[in-house]
Amino acid sequence: MLFNLTQFNQIVTKAKARAPQMAEQIERAAEELLCNPFIADVDGGLLWASSSNGNIYFAKSTGTCNCKAAEFGKTCKHRLADRLVRLYNSNQGH
């Protein structure tokens, strides 16, 4: 995914300020968005191929994900990444 890094970092900083208890998870989600070439912004969420284990995840914009963390009711980095993308896109006028 391609981002204007200055604007993306502003979105990440604001997200961490709004949810300081999740700052580390937000940072990991942002890092994945910048480094993982196997993440696609698709209709309804993010389609995510893990570079570490080869699993495919779909973090829906409705707030669900098919990963183990979400299965146990935790907020996963996939959903956080989806939220960052939505915030970034809305900031871009998309």
C-alpha atoms as a PDB file:
ATOM      1  CA  MET A   1       0.000   0.000   0.000  1.00  0.00           C
ATOM      2  CA  LEU A   2       1.208   3.475  -0.763  1.00  0.00           C
ATOM      3  CA  PHE A   3       0.845   6.272   1.748  1.00  0.00           C
ATOM      4  CA  ASN A   4       1.958   9.845   2.083  1.00  0.00           C
ATOM      5  CA  LEU A   5       4.210   9.099   5.056  1.00  0.00           C
ATOM      6  CA  THR A   6       3.761  12.482   6.731  1.00  0.00           C
ATOM      7  CA  GLN A   7      -0.021  12.204   6.614  1.00  0.00           C
ATOM      8  CA  PHE A   8      -0.025   8.522   7.565  1.00  0.00           C
ATOM      9  CA  ASN A   9       2.223   9.187  10.574  1.00  0.00           C
ATOM     10  CA  GLN A  10      -0.137  11.971  11.677  1.00  0.00           C
ATOM     11  CA  ILE A  11      -3.058   9.507  11.569  1.00  0.00           C
ATOM     12  CA  VAL A  12      -1.048   6.973  13.593  1.00  0.00           C
ATOM     13  CA  THR A  13      -0.022   9.585  16.172  1.00  0.00           C
ATOM     14  CA  LYS A  14      -3.630  10.725  16.609  1.00  0.00           C
ATOM     15  CA  ALA A  15      -4.841   7.132  16.937  1.00  0.00           C
ATOM     16  CA  LYS A  16      -2.255   6.406  19.636  1.00  0.00           C
ATOM     17  CA  ALA A  17      -3.205   9.593  21.498  1.00  0.00           C
ATOM     18  CA  ARG A  18      -6.907   8.594  21.425  1.00  0.00           C
ATOM     19  CA  ALA A  19      -6.162   5.063  22.634  1.00  0.00           C
ATOM     20  CA  PRO A  20      -2.885   5.141  24.588  1.00  0.00           C
ATOM     21  CA  GLN A  21      -3.583   1.692  26.045  1.00  0.00           C
ATOM     22  CA  MET A  22      -3.350   0.327  22.485  1.00  0.00           C
ATOM     23  CA  ALA A  23      -0.391   2.394  21.307  1.00  0.00           C
ATOM     24  CA  GLU A  24       1.885  -0.623  20.877  1.00  0.00           C
ATOM     25  CA  GLN A  25      -0.706  -2.560  18.844  1.00  0.00           C
ATOM     26  CA  ILE A  26      -1.427   0.513  16.716  1.00  0.00           C
ATOM     27  CA  GLU A  27       2.289   0.902  16.039  1.00  0.00           C
ATOM     28  CA  ARG A  28       2.569  -2.774  14.979  1.00  0.00           C
ATOM     29  CA  ALA A  29      -0.435  -2.389  12.679  1.00  0.00           C
ATOM     30  CA  ALA A  30       1.086   0.724  11.107  1.00  0.00           C
ATOM     31  CA  GLU A  31       4.425  -1.020  10.610  1.00  0.00           C
ATOM     32  CA  GLU A  32       2.707  -3.942   8.860  1.00  0.00           C
ATOM     33  CA  LEU A  33       0.842  -1.552   6.560  1.00  0.00           C
ATOM     34  CA  LEU A  34       4.113   0.064   5.546  1.00  0.00           C
ATOM     35  CA  CYS A  35       6.174  -3.126   5.215  1.00  0.00           C
ATOM     36  CA  ASN A  36       3.897  -6.005   4.239  1.00  0.00           C
ATOM     37  CA  PRO A  37       3.344  -6.045   0.454  1.00  0.00           C
ATOM     38  CA  PHE A  38       0.564  -8.621   0.860  1.00  0.00           C
ATOM     39  CA  ILE A  39      -2.113  -6.294   2.273  1.00  0.00           C
ATOM     40  CA  ALA A  40      -4.854  -5.033  -0.017  1.00  0.00           C
ATOM     41  CA  ASP A  41      -7.533  -2.445   0.655  1.00  0.00           C
ATOM     42  CA  VAL A  42     -10.612  -4.166  -0.760  1.00  0.00           C
ATOM     43  CA  ASP A  43     -14.303  -3.429  -0.661  1.00  0.00           C
ATOM     44  CA  GLY A  44     -15.372  -4.014   2.921  1.00  0.00           C
ATOM     45  CA  GLY A  45     -11.983  -4.178   4.633  1.00  0.00           C
ATOM     46  CA  LEU A  46      -8.393  -5.313   4.368  1.00  0.00           C
ATOM     47  CA  LEU A  47      -7.316  -8.583   2.832  1.00  0.00           C
ATOM     48  CA  TRP A  48      -4.116  -9.596   4.526  1.00  0.00           C
ATOM     49  CA  ALA A  49      -1.658 -12.375   3.693  1.00  0.00           C
ATOM     50  CA  SER A  50       0.651 -12.858   6.626  1.00  0.00           C
ATOM     51  CA  SER A  51       4.307 -12.711   5.691  1.00  0.00           C
ATOM     52  CA  SER A  52       5.212 -14.648   8.853  1.00  0.00           C
ATOM     53  CA  ASN A  53       2.840 -17.638   8.752  1.00  0.00           C
ATOM     54  CA  GLY A  54       1.165 -17.565   5.331  1.00  0.00           C
ATOM     55  CA  ASN A  55      -2.361 -17.280   6.754  1.00  0.00           C
ATOM     56  CA  ILE A  56      -4.943 -15.124   4.997  1.00  0.00           C
ATOM     57  CA  TYR A  57      -6.970 -12.703   7.105  1.00  0.00           C
ATOM     58  CA  PHE A  58      -9.899 -10.482   6.256  1.00  0.00           C
ATOM     59  CA  ALA A  59     -10.328  -7.575   8.623  1.00  0.00           C
ATOM     60  CA  LYS A  60     -13.774  -6.261   7.822  1.00  0.00           C
ATOM     61  CA  SER A  61     -14.586  -2.592   8.183  1.00  0.00           C
ATOM     62  CA  THR A  62     -17.509  -3.709  10.343  1.00  0.00           C
ATOM     63  CA  GLY A  63     -14.959  -4.582  13.045  1.00  0.00           C
ATOM     64  CA  THR A  64     -14.537  -8.319  12.637  1.00  0.00           C
ATOM     65  CA  CYS A  65     -11.581 -10.457  11.655  1.00  0.00           C
ATOM     66  CA  ASN A  66     -10.990 -14.154  11.165  1.00  0.00           C
ATOM     67  CA  CYS A  67      -7.731 -14.293  13.167  1.00  0.00           C
ATOM     68  CA  LYS A  68      -7.143 -16.067  16.493  1.00  0.00           C
ATOM     69  CA  ALA A  69      -6.927 -12.830  18.511  1.00  0.00           C
ATOM     70  CA  ALA A  70     -10.339 -11.704  17.282  1.00  0.00           C
ATOM     71  CA  GLU A  71     -11.698 -15.188  17.907  1.00  0.00           C
ATOM     72  CA  PHE A  72     -10.824 -14.672  21.581  1.00  0.00           C
ATOM     73  CA  GLY A  73     -12.397 -11.193  21.662  1.00  0.00           C
ATOM     74  CA  LYS A  74      -9.157  -9.224  21.465  1.00  0.00           C
ATOM     75  CA  THR A  75      -8.544  -6.253  19.222  1.00  0.00           C
ATOM     76  CA  CYS A  76      -6.173  -7.544  16.554  1.00  0.00           C
ATOM     77  CA  LYS A  77      -3.616  -5.651  14.524  1.00  0.00           C
ATOM     78  CA  HIS A  78      -5.585  -6.523  11.371  1.00  0.00           C
ATOM     79  CA  ARG A  79      -8.634  -4.570  12.551  1.00  0.00           C
ATOM     80  CA  LEU A  80      -6.448  -1.739  13.815  1.00  0.00           C
ATOM     81  CA  ALA A  81      -4.727  -1.589  10.428  1.00  0.00           C
ATOM     82  CA  ASP A  82      -8.104  -1.486   8.699  1.00  0.00           C
ATOM     83  CA  ARG A  83      -9.141   1.405  10.930  1.00  0.00           C
ATOM     84  CA  LEU A  84      -5.906   3.272  10.158  1.00  0.00           C
ATOM     85  CA  VAL A  85      -6.531   2.836   6.427  1.00  0.00           C
ATOM     86  CA  ARG A  86     -10.123   4.086   6.779  1.00  0.00           C
ATOM     87  CA  LEU A  87      -8.940   7.128   8.756  1.00  0.00           C
ATOM     88  CA  TYR A  88      -6.191   7.810   6.228  1.00  0.00           C
ATOM     89  CA  ASN A  89      -8.583   7.499   3.286  1.00  0.00           C
ATOM     90  CA  SER A  90     -11.195   9.750   4.871  1.00  0.00           C
ATOM     91  CA  ASN A  91      -8.453  12.302   5.500  1.00  0.00           C
ATOM     92  CA  GLN A  92      -7.556  12.073   1.795  1.00  0.00           C
ATOM     93  CA  GLY A  93     -11.129  12.721   0.693  1.00  0.00           C
ATOM     94  CA  HIS A  94     -11.807   9.141  -0.456  1.00  0.00           C
END
